[in-house]
Amino acid sequence: MRNTSKQSSNLLKLIIVALLGTISLLLFFLNFPLPFLPPYLKIDFSDVPALMASLIFSPLAGIIVVAVKNLLYLAVSGAGDPIGVAANFLAGVMFVVPVSILYHKYKGVKSIVSGLVTGTLIMAIGMSVLNYFIILPAYGWFMGWEMTNQVIWASVLAGVLPFNIIKGIIVALLFVPLFIKMHSWITQQQTKFI
């Protein structure tokens, strides 16, 4: 009997994570560029469902939601841009995992705020480093662009770094009030799946 309830609990977890991944994809399409930054860098709120999954279940659930979103995006858009999809996945993981780890360790609004600050810094610095050494040179090769070190450095300092900081702040400003409103519901969901 216990085995059956564990199986149905795992199935329900899987369904919730898949559903959050689908919601994440829909939010991914509702994006907008920021003035003064390159137009290909767009703000979206697709990390919010991943944050919810990571708070209810675990950091791994958040990572799975980010992965589902990106795999669905590849399938739906037929994107010939695997580099951008990989970059989006890595940025999402760098942002979601610190929030989840700090929340599960300390619980409460303070841990969410410190997690969002930490996640924003890790995402901004991590994506800057990855863009400098891997992503932008790969784009250059993939698109046949001339990418000198100066161009890459300027792209990181004037585009990638400020974009990820601003994105983290905007998502945090949306997520903190959402978390405060849904805190008791998140706690109820956690107790269901223990």
N, C-alpha and C. Protein backbone atom coordinates (compact mmCIF):
# COMPACT_ATOMS: atom_id res chain seq x y z
N MET A 1 0.83 -1.21 0.00
CA MET A 1 0.00 0.00 0.00
C MET A 1 0.87 1.26 0.00
N ARG A 2 1.89 1.27 0.86
CA ARG A 2 2.78 2.42 0.96
C ARG A 2 3.51 2.64 -0.37
N ASN A 3 3.90 1.51 -1.02
CA ASN A 3 4.59 1.59 -2.31
C ASN A 3 3.72 2.27 -3.37
N THR A 4 2.43 1.94 -3.38
CA THR A 4 1.49 2.53 -4.34
C THR A 4 1.34 4.02 -4.11
N SER A 5 1.23 4.44 -2.83
CA SER A 5 1.07 5.87 -2.55
C SER A 5 2.36 6.63 -2.91
N LYS A 6 3.53 5.98 -2.73
CA LYS A 6 4.79 6.62 -3.11
C LYS A 6 4.86 6.79 -4.62
N GLN A 7 4.39 5.76 -5.35
CA GLN A 7 4.38 5.84 -6.81
C GLN A 7 3.45 6.95 -7.30
N SER A 8 2.27 7.05 -6.70
CA SER A 8 1.33 8.09 -7.13
C SER A 8 1.86 9.47 -6.74
N SER A 9 2.56 9.56 -5.61
CA SER A 9 3.17 10.82 -5.21
C SER A 9 4.26 11.23 -6.20
N ASN A 10 5.08 10.26 -6.62
CA ASN A 10 6.13 10.54 -7.61
C ASN A 10 5.54 10.93 -8.96
N LEU A 11 4.44 10.27 -9.34
CA LEU A 11 3.76 10.60 -10.59
C LEU A 11 3.21 12.03 -10.53
N LEU A 12 2.61 12.38 -9.40
CA LEU A 12 2.07 13.73 -9.23
C LEU A 12 3.19 14.77 -9.30
N LYS A 13 4.33 14.46 -8.66
CA LYS A 13 5.50 15.35 -8.73
C LYS A 13 5.91 15.58 -10.18
N LEU A 14 6.00 14.48 -10.92
CA LEU A 14 6.40 14.53 -12.33
C LEU A 14 5.43 15.39 -13.14
N ILE A 15 4.13 15.21 -12.89
CA ILE A 15 3.11 15.98 -13.61
C ILE A 15 3.24 17.47 -13.28
N ILE A 16 3.43 17.80 -12.00
CA ILE A 16 3.56 19.20 -11.58
C ILE A 16 4.80 19.83 -12.22
N VAL A 17 5.92 19.10 -12.19
CA VAL A 17 7.16 19.63 -12.77
C VAL A 17 7.00 19.84 -14.28
N ALA A 18 6.36 18.88 -14.98
CA ALA A 18 6.13 19.02 -16.42
C ALA A 18 5.21 20.20 -16.72
N LEU A 19 4.19 20.36 -15.89
CA LEU A 19 3.25 21.48 -16.06
C LEU A 19 3.97 22.82 -15.85
N LEU A 20 4.80 22.89 -14.82
CA LEU A 20 5.56 24.12 -14.56
C LEU A 20 6.54 24.40 -15.71
N GLY A 21 7.09 23.33 -16.30
CA GLY A 21 7.97 23.49 -17.46
C GLY A 21 7.22 24.08 -18.65
N THR A 22 5.97 23.65 -18.84
CA THR A 22 5.14 24.16 -19.93
C THR A 22 4.77 25.63 -19.68
N ILE A 23 4.40 25.95 -18.45
CA ILE A 23 4.09 27.35 -18.09
C ILE A 23 5.33 28.21 -18.31
N SER A 24 6.48 27.67 -17.95
CA SER A 24 7.75 28.37 -18.14
C SER A 24 7.97 28.70 -19.62
N LEU A 25 7.66 27.74 -20.50
CA LEU A 25 7.80 27.96 -21.94
C LEU A 25 6.89 29.12 -22.40
N LEU A 26 5.64 29.12 -21.93
CA LEU A 26 4.70 30.18 -22.31
C LEU A 26 5.24 31.55 -21.85
N LEU A 27 5.75 31.60 -20.64
CA LEU A 27 6.31 32.86 -20.12
C LEU A 27 7.56 33.28 -20.89
N PHE A 28 8.28 32.28 -21.42
CA PHE A 28 9.50 32.53 -22.20
C PHE A 28 9.18 33.32 -23.47
N PHE A 29 7.99 33.05 -24.04
CA PHE A 29 7.59 33.75 -25.27
C PHE A 29 7.12 35.19 -25.00
N LEU A 30 6.76 35.48 -23.75
CA LEU A 30 6.36 36.85 -23.37
C LEU A 30 7.60 37.59 -22.91
N ASN A 31 8.38 38.07 -23.85
CA ASN A 31 9.65 38.71 -23.50
C ASN A 31 9.72 40.11 -24.10
N PHE A 32 10.65 40.89 -23.58
CA PHE A 32 10.83 42.25 -24.08
C PHE A 32 12.29 42.66 -23.93
N PRO A 33 12.80 43.42 -24.92
CA PRO A 33 14.18 43.90 -24.81
C PRO A 33 14.26 45.11 -23.88
N LEU A 34 15.45 45.40 -23.42
CA LEU A 34 15.68 46.58 -22.58
C LEU A 34 16.32 47.67 -23.43
N PRO A 35 15.91 48.93 -23.22
CA PRO A 35 16.57 50.00 -23.97
C PRO A 35 18.05 50.07 -23.60
N PHE A 36 18.87 50.47 -24.51
CA PHE A 36 20.32 50.64 -24.33
C PHE A 36 21.09 49.33 -24.26
N LEU A 37 20.41 48.19 -24.40
CA LEU A 37 21.12 46.91 -24.43
C LEU A 37 20.85 46.23 -25.77
N PRO A 38 21.72 45.30 -26.18
CA PRO A 38 21.50 44.62 -27.47
C PRO A 38 20.11 43.98 -27.52
N PRO A 39 19.41 44.10 -28.67
CA PRO A 39 18.02 43.64 -28.78
C PRO A 39 17.84 42.13 -28.63
N TYR A 40 18.93 41.35 -28.82
CA TYR A 40 18.79 39.90 -28.66
C TYR A 40 18.74 39.49 -27.19
N LEU A 41 19.08 40.39 -26.28
CA LEU A 41 18.97 40.11 -24.85
C LEU A 41 17.59 40.56 -24.38
N LYS A 42 16.74 39.60 -24.06
CA LYS A 42 15.36 39.93 -23.71
C LYS A 42 15.01 39.42 -22.32
N ILE A 43 14.25 40.23 -21.60
CA ILE A 43 13.78 39.87 -20.26
C ILE A 43 12.53 39.01 -20.41
N ASP A 44 12.46 37.94 -19.63
CA ASP A 44 11.24 37.14 -19.56
C ASP A 44 11.10 36.63 -18.13
N PHE A 45 9.95 36.05 -17.83
CA PHE A 45 9.70 35.57 -16.46
C PHE A 45 9.63 34.05 -16.39
N SER A 46 10.30 33.40 -17.33
CA SER A 46 10.22 31.93 -17.40
C SER A 46 10.92 31.22 -16.24
N ASP A 47 11.74 31.95 -15.49
CA ASP A 47 12.41 31.32 -14.34
C ASP A 47 11.48 31.22 -13.12
N VAL A 48 10.36 31.95 -13.13
CA VAL A 48 9.45 31.94 -11.98
C VAL A 48 8.88 30.53 -11.71
N PRO A 49 8.36 29.81 -12.73
CA PRO A 49 7.89 28.44 -12.46
C PRO A 49 9.02 27.51 -11.97
N ALA A 50 10.22 27.73 -12.49
CA ALA A 50 11.37 26.92 -12.04
C ALA A 50 11.67 27.20 -10.57
N LEU A 51 11.57 28.47 -10.18
CA LEU A 51 11.77 28.84 -8.77
C LEU A 51 10.71 28.15 -7.90
N MET A 52 9.45 28.17 -8.36
CA MET A 52 8.37 27.52 -7.60
C MET A 52 8.65 26.03 -7.41
N ALA A 53 9.03 25.36 -8.50
CA ALA A 53 9.33 23.91 -8.42
C ALA A 53 10.48 23.65 -7.47
N SER A 54 11.51 24.51 -7.53
CA SER A 54 12.68 24.29 -6.68
C SER A 54 12.36 24.53 -5.21
N LEU A 55 11.39 25.42 -4.92
CA LEU A 55 11.01 25.66 -3.53
C LEU A 55 10.11 24.55 -3.00
N ILE A 56 9.17 24.09 -3.83
CA ILE A 56 8.25 23.04 -3.39
C ILE A 56 9.00 21.71 -3.23
N PHE A 57 9.84 21.38 -4.21
CA PHE A 57 10.49 20.06 -4.20
C PHE A 57 11.98 20.15 -3.83
N SER A 58 12.80 20.56 -4.79
CA SER A 58 14.25 20.56 -4.58
C SER A 58 14.92 21.36 -5.68
N PRO A 59 16.22 21.66 -5.53
CA PRO A 59 16.94 22.33 -6.62
C PRO A 59 16.85 21.55 -7.93
N LEU A 60 16.88 20.21 -7.83
CA LEU A 60 16.82 19.37 -9.03
C LEU A 60 15.51 19.60 -9.80
N ALA A 61 14.40 19.76 -9.09
CA ALA A 61 13.11 20.01 -9.75
C ALA A 61 13.16 21.33 -10.52
N GLY A 62 13.81 22.35 -9.95
CA GLY A 62 13.98 23.62 -10.66
C GLY A 62 14.80 23.46 -11.92
N ILE A 63 15.87 22.68 -11.83
CA ILE A 63 16.72 22.41 -13.00
C ILE A 63 15.92 21.69 -14.08
N ILE A 64 15.08 20.73 -13.67
CA ILE A 64 14.27 19.98 -14.64
C ILE A 64 13.29 20.92 -15.34
N VAL A 65 12.67 21.84 -14.60
CA VAL A 65 11.74 22.80 -15.22
C VAL A 65 12.47 23.66 -16.26
N VAL A 66 13.67 24.13 -15.92
CA VAL A 66 14.47 24.93 -16.86
C VAL A 66 14.80 24.08 -18.10
N ALA A 67 15.15 22.81 -17.88
CA ALA A 67 15.47 21.91 -19.00
C ALA A 67 14.25 21.66 -19.87
N VAL A 68 13.09 21.39 -19.24
CA VAL A 68 11.84 21.14 -19.99
C VAL A 68 11.51 22.36 -20.85
N LYS A 69 11.61 23.55 -20.26
CA LYS A 69 11.32 24.78 -21.01
C LYS A 69 12.20 24.88 -22.26
N ASN A 70 13.49 24.64 -22.10
CA ASN A 70 14.41 24.78 -23.22
C ASN A 70 14.24 23.68 -24.26
N LEU A 71 13.96 22.45 -23.81
CA LEU A 71 13.70 21.36 -24.77
C LEU A 71 12.41 21.62 -25.55
N LEU A 72 11.36 22.07 -24.85
CA LEU A 72 10.10 22.41 -25.53
C LEU A 72 10.32 23.56 -26.50
N TYR A 73 11.12 24.54 -26.10
CA TYR A 73 11.40 25.67 -26.99
C TYR A 73 12.08 25.20 -28.27
N LEU A 74 13.06 24.31 -28.12
CA LEU A 74 13.74 23.75 -29.31
C LEU A 74 12.74 23.04 -30.21
N ALA A 75 11.84 22.25 -29.59
CA ALA A 75 10.85 21.49 -30.35
C ALA A 75 9.84 22.40 -31.04
N VAL A 76 9.34 23.40 -30.33
CA VAL A 76 8.28 24.27 -30.84
C VAL A 76 8.81 25.25 -31.89
N SER A 77 9.98 25.84 -31.60
CA SER A 77 10.47 26.90 -32.48
C SER A 77 11.32 26.35 -33.61
N GLY A 78 11.77 25.11 -33.47
CA GLY A 78 12.70 24.56 -34.45
C GLY A 78 13.95 25.42 -34.53
N ALA A 79 14.32 25.99 -33.38
CA ALA A 79 15.41 26.97 -33.32
C ALA A 79 16.69 26.37 -33.88
N GLY A 80 17.25 27.09 -34.82
CA GLY A 80 18.56 26.69 -35.34
C GLY A 80 19.65 27.30 -34.49
N ASP A 81 19.34 27.58 -33.24
CA ASP A 81 20.27 28.28 -32.35
C ASP A 81 20.47 27.49 -31.05
N PRO A 82 21.15 26.35 -31.14
CA PRO A 82 21.35 25.57 -29.92
C PRO A 82 22.23 26.27 -28.89
N ILE A 83 23.05 27.21 -29.34
CA ILE A 83 23.95 27.93 -28.41
C ILE A 83 23.13 28.81 -27.47
N GLY A 84 22.16 29.54 -28.03
CA GLY A 84 21.29 30.40 -27.22
C GLY A 84 20.46 29.61 -26.24
N VAL A 85 19.98 28.44 -26.67
CA VAL A 85 19.18 27.58 -25.79
C VAL A 85 20.05 27.05 -24.65
N ALA A 86 21.26 26.63 -24.98
CA ALA A 86 22.19 26.14 -23.94
C ALA A 86 22.52 27.26 -22.96
N ALA A 87 22.73 28.47 -23.48
CA ALA A 87 23.03 29.63 -22.62
C ALA A 87 21.86 29.94 -21.70
N ASN A 88 20.63 29.86 -22.24
CA ASN A 88 19.44 30.12 -21.42
C ASN A 88 19.32 29.08 -20.31
N PHE A 89 19.61 27.82 -20.64
CA PHE A 89 19.56 26.75 -19.64
C PHE A 89 20.56 27.02 -18.51
N LEU A 90 21.80 27.34 -18.89
CA LEU A 90 22.84 27.58 -17.89
C LEU A 90 22.51 28.79 -17.01
N ALA A 91 21.99 29.86 -17.63
CA ALA A 91 21.61 31.06 -16.85
C ALA A 91 20.50 30.72 -15.86
N GLY A 92 19.50 29.95 -16.33
CA GLY A 92 18.39 29.56 -15.45
C GLY A 92 18.85 28.74 -14.26
N VAL A 93 19.76 27.79 -14.52
CA VAL A 93 20.28 26.94 -13.44
C VAL A 93 21.07 27.78 -12.43
N MET A 94 21.92 28.69 -12.94
CA MET A 94 22.73 29.53 -12.04
C MET A 94 21.86 30.43 -11.18
N PHE A 95 20.69 30.81 -11.69
CA PHE A 95 19.79 31.69 -10.96
C PHE A 95 18.93 30.93 -9.95
N VAL A 96 18.36 29.80 -10.38
CA VAL A 96 17.37 29.06 -9.58
C VAL A 96 18.01 28.28 -8.42
N VAL A 97 19.13 27.62 -8.69
CA VAL A 97 19.72 26.71 -7.68
C VAL A 97 20.12 27.43 -6.38
N PRO A 98 20.81 28.59 -6.43
CA PRO A 98 21.15 29.25 -5.15
C PRO A 98 19.91 29.64 -4.33
N VAL A 99 18.86 30.10 -5.02
CA VAL A 99 17.62 30.48 -4.31
C VAL A 99 17.08 29.25 -3.58
N SER A 100 17.01 28.13 -4.28
CA SER A 100 16.47 26.90 -3.72
C SER A 100 17.31 26.39 -2.55
N ILE A 101 18.61 26.39 -2.72
CA ILE A 101 19.50 25.88 -1.66
C ILE A 101 19.34 26.72 -0.38
N LEU A 102 19.38 28.04 -0.54
CA LEU A 102 19.25 28.91 0.64
C LEU A 102 17.87 28.79 1.28
N TYR A 103 16.83 28.66 0.45
CA TYR A 103 15.48 28.53 1.00
C TYR A 103 15.33 27.23 1.79
N HIS A 104 15.79 26.12 1.22
CA HIS A 104 15.65 24.84 1.91
C HIS A 104 16.50 24.76 3.18
N LYS A 105 17.56 25.54 3.22
CA LYS A 105 18.40 25.54 4.42
C LYS A 105 17.81 26.41 5.53
N TYR A 106 17.29 27.61 5.17
CA TYR A 106 16.88 28.57 6.19
C TYR A 106 15.38 28.88 6.24
N LYS A 107 14.65 28.57 5.17
CA LYS A 107 13.20 28.87 5.05
C LYS A 107 12.93 30.37 5.20
N GLY A 108 11.78 30.81 4.75
CA GLY A 108 11.36 32.19 4.99
C GLY A 108 11.73 33.19 3.91
N VAL A 109 11.20 34.40 4.08
CA VAL A 109 11.36 35.47 3.09
C VAL A 109 12.81 35.94 3.01
N LYS A 110 13.49 36.04 4.16
CA LYS A 110 14.89 36.50 4.14
C LYS A 110 15.76 35.58 3.30
N SER A 111 15.53 34.29 3.42
CA SER A 111 16.34 33.34 2.63
C SER A 111 16.02 33.45 1.14
N ILE A 112 14.76 33.78 0.80
CA ILE A 112 14.39 33.99 -0.60
C ILE A 112 15.11 35.23 -1.13
N VAL A 113 15.08 36.31 -0.37
CA VAL A 113 15.72 37.56 -0.82
C VAL A 113 17.23 37.34 -0.97
N SER A 114 17.87 36.74 0.05
CA SER A 114 19.32 36.51 -0.06
C SER A 114 19.63 35.52 -1.18
N GLY A 115 18.75 34.55 -1.41
CA GLY A 115 18.92 33.60 -2.52
C GLY A 115 18.82 34.28 -3.86
N LEU A 116 17.85 35.20 -3.99
CA LEU A 116 17.68 35.93 -5.26
C LEU A 116 18.88 36.85 -5.53
N VAL A 117 19.41 37.48 -4.49
CA VAL A 117 20.60 38.32 -4.65
C VAL A 117 21.78 37.44 -5.07
N THR A 118 21.97 36.32 -4.35
CA THR A 118 23.07 35.40 -4.66
C THR A 118 22.92 34.84 -6.07
N GLY A 119 21.70 34.40 -6.41
CA GLY A 119 21.45 33.84 -7.74
C GLY A 119 21.71 34.86 -8.84
N THR A 120 21.31 36.11 -8.61
CA THR A 120 21.55 37.17 -9.60
C THR A 120 23.04 37.38 -9.80
N LEU A 121 23.79 37.44 -8.70
CA LEU A 121 25.25 37.64 -8.81
C LEU A 121 25.93 36.46 -9.50
N ILE A 122 25.54 35.24 -9.11
CA ILE A 122 26.13 34.04 -9.73
C ILE A 122 25.80 34.01 -11.23
N MET A 123 24.53 34.29 -11.57
CA MET A 123 24.13 34.29 -12.98
C MET A 123 24.88 35.37 -13.76
N ALA A 124 24.96 36.59 -13.20
CA ALA A 124 25.61 37.70 -13.91
C ALA A 124 27.10 37.42 -14.13
N ILE A 125 27.79 36.98 -13.08
CA ILE A 125 29.22 36.71 -13.20
C ILE A 125 29.47 35.45 -14.03
N GLY A 126 28.70 34.39 -13.72
CA GLY A 126 28.87 33.12 -14.44
C GLY A 126 28.61 33.25 -15.92
N MET A 127 27.53 33.96 -16.30
CA MET A 127 27.21 34.13 -17.72
C MET A 127 28.22 35.05 -18.40
N SER A 128 28.76 36.02 -17.66
CA SER A 128 29.80 36.88 -18.24
C SER A 128 31.04 36.06 -18.58
N VAL A 129 31.46 35.20 -17.65
CA VAL A 129 32.63 34.35 -17.88
C VAL A 129 32.36 33.37 -19.03
N LEU A 130 31.19 32.71 -18.99
CA LEU A 130 30.86 31.75 -20.06
C LEU A 130 30.75 32.43 -21.41
N ASN A 131 30.17 33.63 -21.45
CA ASN A 131 30.06 34.36 -22.72
C ASN A 131 31.43 34.74 -23.25
N TYR A 132 32.30 35.17 -22.35
CA TYR A 132 33.63 35.59 -22.79
C TYR A 132 34.43 34.42 -23.37
N PHE A 133 34.43 33.31 -22.65
CA PHE A 133 35.30 32.20 -23.05
C PHE A 133 34.65 31.20 -24.02
N ILE A 134 33.32 31.02 -23.93
CA ILE A 134 32.69 29.94 -24.71
C ILE A 134 31.56 30.42 -25.62
N ILE A 135 30.53 31.09 -25.05
CA ILE A 135 29.29 31.33 -25.79
C ILE A 135 29.50 32.30 -26.96
N LEU A 136 30.08 33.47 -26.71
CA LEU A 136 30.28 34.44 -27.81
C LEU A 136 31.25 33.92 -28.87
N PRO A 137 32.39 33.30 -28.49
CA PRO A 137 33.23 32.71 -29.54
C PRO A 137 32.49 31.62 -30.34
N ALA A 138 31.65 30.83 -29.65
CA ALA A 138 30.87 29.80 -30.36
C ALA A 138 29.88 30.45 -31.32
N TYR A 139 29.21 31.52 -30.88
CA TYR A 139 28.31 32.27 -31.76
C TYR A 139 29.07 32.79 -32.98
N GLY A 140 30.25 33.36 -32.72
CA GLY A 140 31.07 33.89 -33.81
C GLY A 140 31.37 32.81 -34.84
N TRP A 141 31.75 31.65 -34.35
CA TRP A 141 32.07 30.54 -35.25
C TRP A 141 30.81 30.06 -35.97
N PHE A 142 29.73 29.90 -35.22
CA PHE A 142 28.46 29.39 -35.74
C PHE A 142 27.87 30.31 -36.82
N MET A 143 27.95 31.63 -36.59
CA MET A 143 27.35 32.61 -37.50
C MET A 143 28.35 33.14 -38.54
N GLY A 144 29.62 32.75 -38.40
CA GLY A 144 30.63 33.24 -39.33
C GLY A 144 31.00 34.70 -39.11
N TRP A 145 30.90 35.16 -37.83
CA TRP A 145 31.24 36.54 -37.49
C TRP A 145 32.69 36.64 -37.06
N GLU A 146 33.27 37.78 -37.29
CA GLU A 146 34.61 38.08 -36.80
C GLU A 146 34.47 38.53 -35.34
N MET A 147 34.94 37.74 -34.40
CA MET A 147 34.80 38.08 -32.98
C MET A 147 36.19 38.27 -32.36
N THR A 148 36.65 39.51 -32.33
CA THR A 148 37.93 39.78 -31.69
C THR A 148 37.73 39.81 -30.17
N ASN A 149 38.83 39.77 -29.45
CA ASN A 149 38.75 39.84 -27.98
C ASN A 149 38.10 41.13 -27.52
N GLN A 150 38.38 42.24 -28.23
CA GLN A 150 37.79 43.54 -27.87
C GLN A 150 36.27 43.51 -28.04
N VAL A 151 35.80 42.92 -29.14
CA VAL A 151 34.35 42.83 -29.40
C VAL A 151 33.68 41.98 -28.32
N ILE A 152 34.30 40.84 -27.99
CA ILE A 152 33.74 39.94 -26.97
C ILE A 152 33.72 40.66 -25.62
N TRP A 153 34.81 41.30 -25.27
CA TRP A 153 34.92 42.00 -23.98
C TRP A 153 33.86 43.10 -23.89
N ALA A 154 33.70 43.88 -24.97
CA ALA A 154 32.70 44.96 -25.00
C ALA A 154 31.29 44.38 -24.89
N SER A 155 31.04 43.25 -25.57
CA SER A 155 29.71 42.61 -25.52
C SER A 155 29.37 42.15 -24.11
N VAL A 156 30.38 41.63 -23.42
CA VAL A 156 30.15 41.16 -22.04
C VAL A 156 29.91 42.34 -21.11
N LEU A 157 30.77 43.35 -21.17
CA LEU A 157 30.66 44.49 -20.24
C LEU A 157 29.46 45.39 -20.52
N ALA A 158 29.12 45.57 -21.81
CA ALA A 158 28.04 46.49 -22.16
C ALA A 158 26.70 45.78 -22.36
N GLY A 159 26.73 44.45 -22.45
CA GLY A 159 25.50 43.70 -22.71
C GLY A 159 25.19 42.64 -21.68
N VAL A 160 26.00 41.60 -21.66
CA VAL A 160 25.70 40.41 -20.86
C VAL A 160 25.64 40.71 -19.36
N LEU A 161 26.66 41.38 -18.84
CA LEU A 161 26.72 41.64 -17.39
C LEU A 161 25.56 42.52 -16.92
N PRO A 162 25.35 43.71 -17.51
CA PRO A 162 24.23 44.52 -17.03
C PRO A 162 22.87 43.85 -17.26
N PHE A 163 22.74 43.14 -18.39
CA PHE A 163 21.47 42.46 -18.68
C PHE A 163 21.11 41.46 -17.58
N ASN A 164 22.06 40.61 -17.20
CA ASN A 164 21.77 39.58 -16.20
C ASN A 164 21.51 40.17 -14.82
N ILE A 165 22.18 41.27 -14.49
CA ILE A 165 21.90 41.94 -13.22
C ILE A 165 20.48 42.51 -13.23
N ILE A 166 20.13 43.21 -14.33
CA ILE A 166 18.79 43.80 -14.43
C ILE A 166 17.72 42.71 -14.45
N LYS A 167 17.97 41.64 -15.19
CA LYS A 167 17.00 40.54 -15.25
C LYS A 167 16.78 39.95 -13.86
N GLY A 168 17.85 39.70 -13.13
CA GLY A 168 17.74 39.15 -11.78
C GLY A 168 16.94 40.06 -10.86
N ILE A 169 17.18 41.38 -10.98
CA ILE A 169 16.45 42.35 -10.13
C ILE A 169 14.97 42.36 -10.48
N ILE A 170 14.65 42.38 -11.79
CA ILE A 170 13.24 42.42 -12.22
C ILE A 170 12.51 41.15 -11.78
N VAL A 171 13.13 39.98 -11.99
CA VAL A 171 12.48 38.72 -11.58
C VAL A 171 12.32 38.69 -10.06
N ALA A 172 13.33 39.16 -9.33
CA ALA A 172 13.26 39.20 -7.86
C ALA A 172 12.12 40.10 -7.39
N LEU A 173 11.98 41.28 -8.02
CA LEU A 173 10.92 42.21 -7.64
C LEU A 173 9.53 41.62 -7.89
N LEU A 174 9.43 40.76 -8.89
CA LEU A 174 8.15 40.07 -9.15
C LEU A 174 7.97 38.90 -8.19
N PHE A 175 9.07 38.17 -7.95
CA PHE A 175 8.95 36.90 -7.22
C PHE A 175 8.75 37.08 -5.71
N VAL A 176 9.39 38.07 -5.10
CA VAL A 176 9.28 38.22 -3.64
C VAL A 176 7.83 38.42 -3.20
N PRO A 177 7.07 39.38 -3.80
CA PRO A 177 5.66 39.51 -3.39
C PRO A 177 4.84 38.25 -3.70
N LEU A 178 5.16 37.60 -4.83
CA LEU A 178 4.47 36.36 -5.19
C LEU A 178 4.73 35.28 -4.13
N PHE A 179 5.99 35.18 -3.70
CA PHE A 179 6.35 34.20 -2.67
C PHE A 179 5.63 34.50 -1.35
N ILE A 180 5.59 35.78 -0.97
CA ILE A 180 4.93 36.16 0.29
C ILE A 180 3.46 35.74 0.25
N LYS A 181 2.80 35.99 -0.88
CA LYS A 181 1.39 35.61 -1.02
C LYS A 181 1.19 34.10 -1.01
N MET A 182 2.15 33.36 -1.59
CA MET A 182 1.98 31.91 -1.77
C MET A 182 2.75 31.07 -0.75
N HIS A 183 3.37 31.72 0.23
CA HIS A 183 4.24 31.00 1.17
C HIS A 183 3.52 29.84 1.87
N SER A 184 2.32 30.09 2.38
CA SER A 184 1.62 29.03 3.10
C SER A 184 1.23 27.89 2.14
N TRP A 185 0.87 28.24 0.89
CA TRP A 185 0.54 27.21 -0.10
C TRP A 185 1.78 26.37 -0.44
N ILE A 186 2.94 27.02 -0.59
CA ILE A 186 4.19 26.30 -0.89
C ILE A 186 4.50 25.34 0.25
N THR A 187 4.34 25.81 1.49
CA THR A 187 4.59 24.96 2.67
C THR A 187 3.66 23.76 2.68
N GLN A 188 2.38 23.98 2.35
CA GLN A 188 1.41 22.86 2.28
C GLN A 188 1.85 21.83 1.24
N GLN A 189 2.30 22.32 0.08
CA GLN A 189 2.72 21.40 -0.99
C GLN A 189 3.94 20.60 -0.54
N GLN A 190 4.85 21.25 0.17
CA GLN A 190 6.05 20.55 0.64
C GLN A 190 5.66 19.39 1.56
N THR A 191 4.72 19.61 2.46
CA THR A 191 4.34 18.56 3.41
C THR A 191 3.66 17.40 2.69
N LYS A 192 2.99 17.66 1.57
CA LYS A 192 2.34 16.58 0.80
C LYS A 192 3.36 15.62 0.21
N PHE A 193 4.54 16.16 -0.15
CA PHE A 193 5.50 15.36 -0.91
C PHE A 193 6.69 14.89 -0.09
N ILE A 194 6.59 14.97 1.23
CA ILE A 194 7.71 14.50 2.07
C ILE A 194 7.69 12.98 2.11
